[in-house]
C-alpha atoms as a PDB file:
ATOM      1  CA  MET A   1      -0.193 -19.792   8.593  1.00  0.00           C
ATOM      2  CA  THR A   2       2.730 -18.515  11.077  1.00  0.00           C
ATOM      3  CA  GLN A   3       2.281 -15.916  14.275  1.00  0.00           C
ATOM      4  CA  TYR A   4       3.674 -13.417  11.859  1.00  0.00           C
ATOM      5  CA  ASP A   5       0.660 -13.396   8.982  1.00  0.00           C
ATOM      6  CA  PRO A   6      -2.475 -12.598  11.678  1.00  0.00           C
ATOM      7  CA  LEU A   7      -0.218  -9.927  12.832  1.00  0.00           C
ATOM      8  CA  GLN A   8       0.377  -8.305   9.198  1.00  0.00           C
ATOM      9  CA  GLN A   9      -3.414  -8.850   8.795  1.00  0.00           C
ATOM     10  CA  ALA A  10      -4.247  -6.572  11.737  1.00  0.00           C
ATOM     11  CA  ILE A  11      -2.196  -3.812  10.588  1.00  0.00           C
ATOM     12  CA  ALA A  12      -3.398  -3.836   7.423  1.00  0.00           C
ATOM     13  CA  THR A  13      -7.258  -3.683   8.414  1.00  0.00           C
ATOM     14  CA  LEU A  14      -5.824  -0.997  11.503  1.00  0.00           C
ATOM     15  CA  GLN A  15      -4.550   0.821   8.263  1.00  0.00           C
ATOM     16  CA  ALA A  16      -7.917   0.265   6.374  1.00  0.00           C
ATOM     17  CA  GLN A  17      -9.818   2.077   9.494  1.00  0.00           C
ATOM     18  CA  ARG A  18      -7.904   5.169   9.483  1.00  0.00           C
ATOM     19  CA  ALA A  19     -10.289   7.693   7.897  1.00  0.00           C
ATOM     20  CA  ILE A  20     -12.575   6.181  10.714  1.00  0.00           C
ATOM     21  CA  LEU A  21     -10.640   5.902  13.840  1.00  0.00           C
ATOM     22  CA  GLY A  22      -8.137   8.689  13.190  1.00  0.00           C
ATOM     23  CA  ASP A  23      -4.300   8.973  13.178  1.00  0.00           C
ATOM     24  CA  ALA A  24      -3.555   9.027  16.872  1.00  0.00           C
ATOM     25  CA  VAL A  25      -5.411   5.884  17.528  1.00  0.00           C
ATOM     26  CA  VAL A  26      -4.174   4.281  14.624  1.00  0.00           C
ATOM     27  CA  ASP A  27      -0.674   5.119  14.871  1.00  0.00           C
ATOM     28  CA  THR A  28      -0.548   4.244  18.455  1.00  0.00           C
ATOM     29  CA  SER A  29      -2.092   0.675  17.770  1.00  0.00           C
ATOM     30  CA  LEU A  30       0.082   0.166  14.596  1.00  0.00           C
ATOM     31  CA  ALA A  31       3.205   0.960  17.175  1.00  0.00           C
ATOM     32  CA  ALA A  32       2.061  -1.541  19.741  1.00  0.00           C
ATOM     33  CA  LEU A  33       1.258  -4.320  16.443  1.00  0.00           C
ATOM     34  CA  ARG A  34       4.565  -3.505  15.391  1.00  0.00           C
ATOM     35  CA  ARG A  35       6.291  -3.908  17.863  1.00  0.00           C
ATOM     36  CA  GLN A  36       4.765  -7.661  18.548  1.00  0.00           C
ATOM     37  CA  LEU A  37       5.588  -8.290  14.948  1.00  0.00           C
ATOM     38  CA  ALA A  38       9.715  -7.296  15.192  1.00  0.00           C
ATOM     39  CA  PRO A  39      10.933 -10.180  17.181  1.00  0.00           C
ATOM     40  CA  LEU A  40       8.598 -12.819  14.555  1.00  0.00           C
ATOM     41  CA  ALA A  41       9.468 -11.216  11.161  1.00  0.00           C
ATOM     42  CA  PRO A  42      12.432 -13.418   9.323  1.00  0.00           C
ATOM     43  CA  ALA A  43      15.521 -11.953   9.653  1.00  0.00           C
ATOM     44  CA  PRO A  44      16.857 -10.217   5.954  1.00  0.00           C
ATOM     45  CA  ARG A  45      19.499 -10.531   4.362  1.00  0.00           C
ATOM     46  CA  GLU A  46      21.795  -7.501   3.168  1.00  0.00           C
ATOM     47  CA  GLU A  47      21.045  -7.844  -1.072  1.00  0.00           C
ATOM     48  CA  GLN A  48      20.141 -10.112  -3.154  1.00  0.00           C
ATOM     49  CA  ARG A  49      18.894 -10.885  -6.392  1.00  0.00           C
ATOM     50  CA  LYS A  50      15.348 -12.535  -6.585  1.00  0.00           C
ATOM     51  CA  LEU A  51      12.452 -12.619  -9.040  1.00  0.00           C
ATOM     52  CA  VAL A  52       9.692 -10.195  -7.603  1.00  0.00           C
ATOM     53  CA  THR A  53       6.487  -8.943  -8.779  1.00  0.00           C
ATOM     54  CA  VAL A  54       6.351  -5.011  -8.543  1.00  0.00           C
ATOM     55  CA  LEU A  55       2.563  -3.060  -8.921  1.00  0.00           C
ATOM     56  CA  PHE A  56       2.817   0.105  -9.479  1.00  0.00           C
ATOM     57  CA  ALA A  57      -0.695   2.363  -9.431  1.00  0.00           C
ATOM     58  CA  ASP A  58      -1.831   6.142  -9.804  1.00  0.00           C
ATOM     59  CA  LEU A  59      -4.465   8.399  -9.633  1.00  0.00           C
ATOM     60  CA  ALA A  60      -5.796   9.725 -13.392  1.00  0.00           C
ATOM     61  CA  GLY A  61      -5.959  13.147 -13.570  1.00  0.00           C
ATOM     62  CA  PHE A  62      -4.238  14.059 -10.287  1.00  0.00           C
ATOM     63  CA  MET A  63      -2.666  16.912 -11.432  1.00  0.00           C
ATOM     64  CA  GLU A  64      -5.769  18.386 -12.837  1.00  0.00           C
ATOM     65  CA  LEU A  65      -7.265  17.460  -9.418  1.00  0.00           C
ATOM     66  CA  SER A  66      -4.666  18.831  -7.678  1.00  0.00           C
ATOM     67  CA  ASP A  67      -4.843  22.381  -9.444  1.00  0.00           C
ATOM     68  CA  ARG A  68      -8.756  22.277  -8.578  1.00  0.00           C
ATOM     69  CA  LEU A  69      -8.679  21.616  -5.205  1.00  0.00           C
ATOM     70  CA  ASP A  70      -7.318  23.477  -2.015  1.00  0.00           C
ATOM     71  CA  PRO A  71      -4.093  21.724  -0.901  1.00  0.00           C
ATOM     72  CA  GLU A  72      -5.377  20.553   2.567  1.00  0.00           C
ATOM     73  CA  ASP A  73      -8.280  19.008   0.806  1.00  0.00           C
ATOM     74  CA  VAL A  74      -5.490  17.397  -1.734  1.00  0.00           C
ATOM     75  CA  ARG A  75      -3.746  16.001   2.022  1.00  0.00           C
ATOM     76  CA  GLU A  76      -7.088  14.513   2.504  1.00  0.00           C
ATOM     77  CA  LEU A  77      -7.666  12.941  -0.086  1.00  0.00           C
ATOM     78  CA  GLN A  78      -4.186  11.467  -0.308  1.00  0.00           C
ATOM     79  CA  ASP A  79      -4.827  10.103   3.267  1.00  0.00           C
ATOM     80  CA  ALA A  80      -7.760   8.688   2.390  1.00  0.00           C
ATOM     81  CA  TYR A  81      -6.697   7.015  -1.034  1.00  0.00           C
ATOM     82  CA  PHE A  82      -3.348   5.530   0.640  1.00  0.00           C
ATOM     83  CA  ALA A  83      -5.248   3.909   3.531  1.00  0.00           C
ATOM     84  CA  THR A  84      -7.963   2.479   1.234  1.00  0.00           C
ATOM     85  CA  ILE A  85      -5.530   1.102  -1.357  1.00  0.00           C
ATOM     86  CA  THR A  86      -2.612  -0.457   1.237  1.00  0.00           C
ATOM     87  CA  PRO A  87      -4.554  -2.885   2.723  1.00  0.00           C
ATOM     88  CA  PRO A  88      -5.442  -5.110  -0.092  1.00  0.00           C
ATOM     89  CA  ILE A  89      -1.401  -5.316  -1.015  1.00  0.00           C
ATOM     90  CA  LEU A  90      -0.480  -6.118   2.713  1.00  0.00           C
ATOM     91  CA  ILE A  91      -3.518  -8.594   2.946  1.00  0.00           C
ATOM     92  CA  HIS A  92      -2.365 -10.268   0.002  1.00  0.00           C
ATOM     93  CA  GLY A  93       1.517 -10.622   1.123  1.00  0.00           C
ATOM     94  CA  GLY A  94       3.001  -7.379  -0.651  1.00  0.00           C
ATOM     95  CA  SER A  95       5.398  -4.690   0.512  1.00  0.00           C
ATOM     96  CA  VAL A  96       4.647  -1.233   0.063  1.00  0.00           C
ATOM     97  CA  GLU A  97       8.295   0.112  -1.133  1.00  0.00           C
ATOM     98  CA  LYS A  98       7.225   3.878  -1.517  1.00  0.00           C
ATOM     99  CA  TYR A  99       4.179   6.777  -1.536  1.00  0.00           C
ATOM    100  CA  VAL A 100       5.107   9.565  -4.147  1.00  0.00           C
ATOM    101  CA  GLY A 101       2.396  12.033  -4.511  1.00  0.00           C
ATOM    102  CA  ASP A 102      -0.727   9.782  -5.741  1.00  0.00           C
ATOM    103  CA  ALA A 103       1.531   6.754  -6.651  1.00  0.00           C
ATOM    104  CA  ILE A 104       2.296   3.808  -4.691  1.00  0.00           C
ATOM    105  CA  LEU A 105       5.088   1.263  -5.487  1.00  0.00           C
ATOM    106  CA  ALA A 106       4.559  -2.297  -3.885  1.00  0.00           C
ATOM    107  CA  VAL A 107       6.728  -5.147  -4.265  1.00  0.00           C
ATOM    108  CA  PHE A 108       5.307  -9.142  -3.981  1.00  0.00           C
ATOM    109  CA  GLY A 109       8.261 -11.559  -3.358  1.00  0.00           C
ATOM    110  CA  VAL A 110      10.015  -8.925  -0.615  1.00  0.00           C
ATOM    111  CA  PRO A 111      11.300 -10.215   1.612  1.00  0.00           C
ATOM    112  CA  ASP A 112      10.015 -13.708   1.199  1.00  0.00           C
ATOM    113  CA  SER A 113       8.832 -14.919  -2.140  1.00  0.00           C
ATOM    114  CA  HIS A 114       6.516 -17.310  -2.734  1.00  0.00           C
ATOM    115  CA  GLU A 115       5.430 -19.793  -6.137  1.00  0.00           C
ATOM    116  CA  ASP A 116       2.186 -17.548  -6.300  1.00  0.00           C
ATOM    117  CA  ASP A 117       3.732 -13.947  -6.197  1.00  0.00           C
ATOM    118  CA  ALA A 118       2.210 -12.728  -9.212  1.00  0.00           C
ATOM    119  CA  VAL A 119      -1.085 -14.049  -8.834  1.00  0.00           C
ATOM    120  CA  ARG A 120      -0.919 -12.449  -5.326  1.00  0.00           C
ATOM    121  CA  ALA A 121      -0.032  -8.974  -7.094  1.00  0.00           C
ATOM    122  CA  VAL A 122      -3.199  -9.387  -9.178  1.00  0.00           C
ATOM    123  CA  HIS A 123      -5.434 -10.420  -6.543  1.00  0.00           C
ATOM    124  CA  ALA A 124      -3.760  -7.231  -4.379  1.00  0.00           C
ATOM    125  CA  ALA A 125      -5.506  -4.975  -7.874  1.00  0.00           C
ATOM    126  CA  LEU A 126      -8.551  -6.239  -8.090  1.00  0.00           C
ATOM    127  CA  GLY A 127      -8.867  -5.610  -4.051  1.00  0.00           C
ATOM    128  CA  MET A 128      -7.332  -2.078  -4.745  1.00  0.00           C
ATOM    129  CA  GLN A 129     -10.253  -1.380  -7.439  1.00  0.00           C
ATOM    130  CA  GLN A 130     -13.064  -2.466  -5.184  1.00  0.00           C
ATOM    131  CA  ALA A 131     -11.742  -0.752  -2.035  1.00  0.00           C
ATOM    132  CA  LEU A 132     -11.232   2.643  -4.437  1.00  0.00           C
ATOM    133  CA  ARG A 133     -15.258   1.711  -5.412  1.00  0.00           C
ATOM    134  CA  GLN A 134     -15.603   1.996  -1.893  1.00  0.00           C
ATOM    135  CA  LEU A 135     -14.034   5.360  -1.413  1.00  0.00           C
ATOM    136  CA  ASN A 136     -15.493   6.847  -4.473  1.00  0.00           C
ATOM    137  CA  LEU A 137     -18.878   5.838  -3.063  1.00  0.00           C
ATOM    138  CA  ARG A 138     -18.238   7.640   0.271  1.00  0.00           C
ATOM    139  CA  LEU A 139     -16.882  10.348  -1.183  1.00  0.00           C
ATOM    140  CA  ALA A 140     -19.996  10.955  -3.189  1.00  0.00           C
ATOM    141  CA  GLY A 141     -22.085  10.526  -0.111  1.00  0.00           C
ATOM    142  CA  GLY A 142     -20.719  13.448   1.748  1.00  0.00           C
ATOM    143  CA  GLY A 143     -18.513  11.130   3.822  1.00  0.00           C
ATOM    144  CA  PRO A 144     -15.805  13.343   5.899  1.00  0.00           C
ATOM    145  CA  GLU A 145     -13.020  12.477   2.622  1.00  0.00           C
ATOM    146  CA  ARG A 146     -15.527  14.347   0.551  1.00  0.00           C
ATOM    147  CA  ARG A 147     -14.324  16.921  -1.503  1.00  0.00           C
ATOM    148  CA  GLY A 148     -17.184  18.014  -3.854  1.00  0.00           C
ATOM    149  CA  SER A 149     -17.459  16.148  -6.797  1.00  0.00           C
ATOM    150  CA  VAL A 150     -14.300  14.449  -7.089  1.00  0.00           C
ATOM    151  CA  HIS A 151     -14.614  10.836  -8.358  1.00  0.00           C
ATOM    152  CA  LEU A 152     -11.345   9.459  -8.132  1.00  0.00           C
ATOM    153  CA  ALA A 153      -9.909   6.510 -11.202  1.00  0.00           C
ATOM    154  CA  MET A 154      -6.886   4.449 -10.407  1.00  0.00           C
ATOM    155  CA  ARG A 155      -4.490   3.102 -13.032  1.00  0.00           C
ATOM    156  CA  ILE A 156      -2.368  -0.218 -11.962  1.00  0.00           C
ATOM    157  CA  GLY A 157       0.428  -2.055 -13.487  1.00  0.00           C
ATOM    158  CA  ILE A 158       2.297  -4.990 -12.909  1.00  0.00           C
ATOM    159  CA  HIS A 159       5.436  -6.921 -13.975  1.00  0.00           C
ATOM    160  CA  THR A 160       7.396  -9.335 -12.812  1.00  0.00           C
ATOM    161  CA  GLY A 161      11.346  -9.309 -13.569  1.00  0.00           C
ATOM    162  CA  LEU A 162      14.585  -9.738 -11.884  1.00  0.00           C
ATOM    163  CA  VAL A 163      15.691  -7.119  -9.197  1.00  0.00           C
ATOM    164  CA  VAL A 164      18.441  -6.441  -6.762  1.00  0.00           C
ATOM    165  CA  SER A 165      16.661  -5.663  -3.303  1.00  0.00           C
ATOM    166  CA  ARG A 166      18.194  -4.674  -0.128  1.00  0.00           C
ATOM    167  CA  VAL A 167      17.469  -3.457   3.266  1.00  0.00           C
ATOM    168  CA  THR A 168      17.487   0.348   3.635  1.00  0.00           C
ATOM    169  CA  GLU A 169      18.586   1.913   7.115  1.00  0.00           C
ATOM    170  CA  GLY A 170      16.477   2.481   9.828  1.00  0.00           C
ATOM    171  CA  GLU A 171      13.223   0.175   9.720  1.00  0.00           C
ATOM    172  CA  GLY A 172      14.322  -2.783   7.686  1.00  0.00           C
ATOM    173  CA  MET A 173      12.301  -1.492   4.439  1.00  0.00           C
ATOM    174  CA  PHE A 174      13.347  -3.134   1.206  1.00  0.00           C
ATOM    175  CA  LEU A 175      14.131  -1.714  -2.162  1.00  0.00           C
ATOM    176  CA  VAL A 176      14.476  -2.944  -5.168  1.00  0.00           C
ATOM    177  CA  SER A 177      16.331  -2.117  -8.029  1.00  0.00           C
ATOM    178  CA  GLY A 178      15.839  -3.542 -11.629  1.00  0.00           C
ATOM    179  CA  ARG A 179      14.823  -2.961 -15.161  1.00  0.00           C
ATOM    180  CA  CYS A 180      11.557  -3.709 -17.151  1.00  0.00           C
ATOM    181  CA  PRO A 181      12.294  -5.815 -20.342  1.00  0.00           C
END
């Protein structure tokens, strides 16, 4: 374990507490942790071909849910959902490539490859499902994210294949391009 790993785990744990601690506290703390993490991060290469495992997850019935709820309620649910399902990805060594609507795209093997990236993705998916069960319990119990009779169901797909990865401009985030057979 490097100095880099505990900081990544702290970031994931803090993200999971966003609904409880609030955006201001989490964002301020994350900024400090990311400043500590930056010098420890491995230097990214420009562009490279590599074998990665991609995890994609979205909510089942999200369009119908969006039609039924107030837009602010939808945004709050999205925030709670992403704060809930992101930590298992990060804890298992994945990188979030993007959030779109109700979907998350994560990559295992970028920037660093591991022999067990596919297994890590499966463990992350199982952790995401458990985390979503906990969020649904909070929603049913009248927690701060409660929006009536909302029950969230998630679909997850995992695929391993060859991609070209490159660092995007700005914050050193990775973009992967490839195709599924």
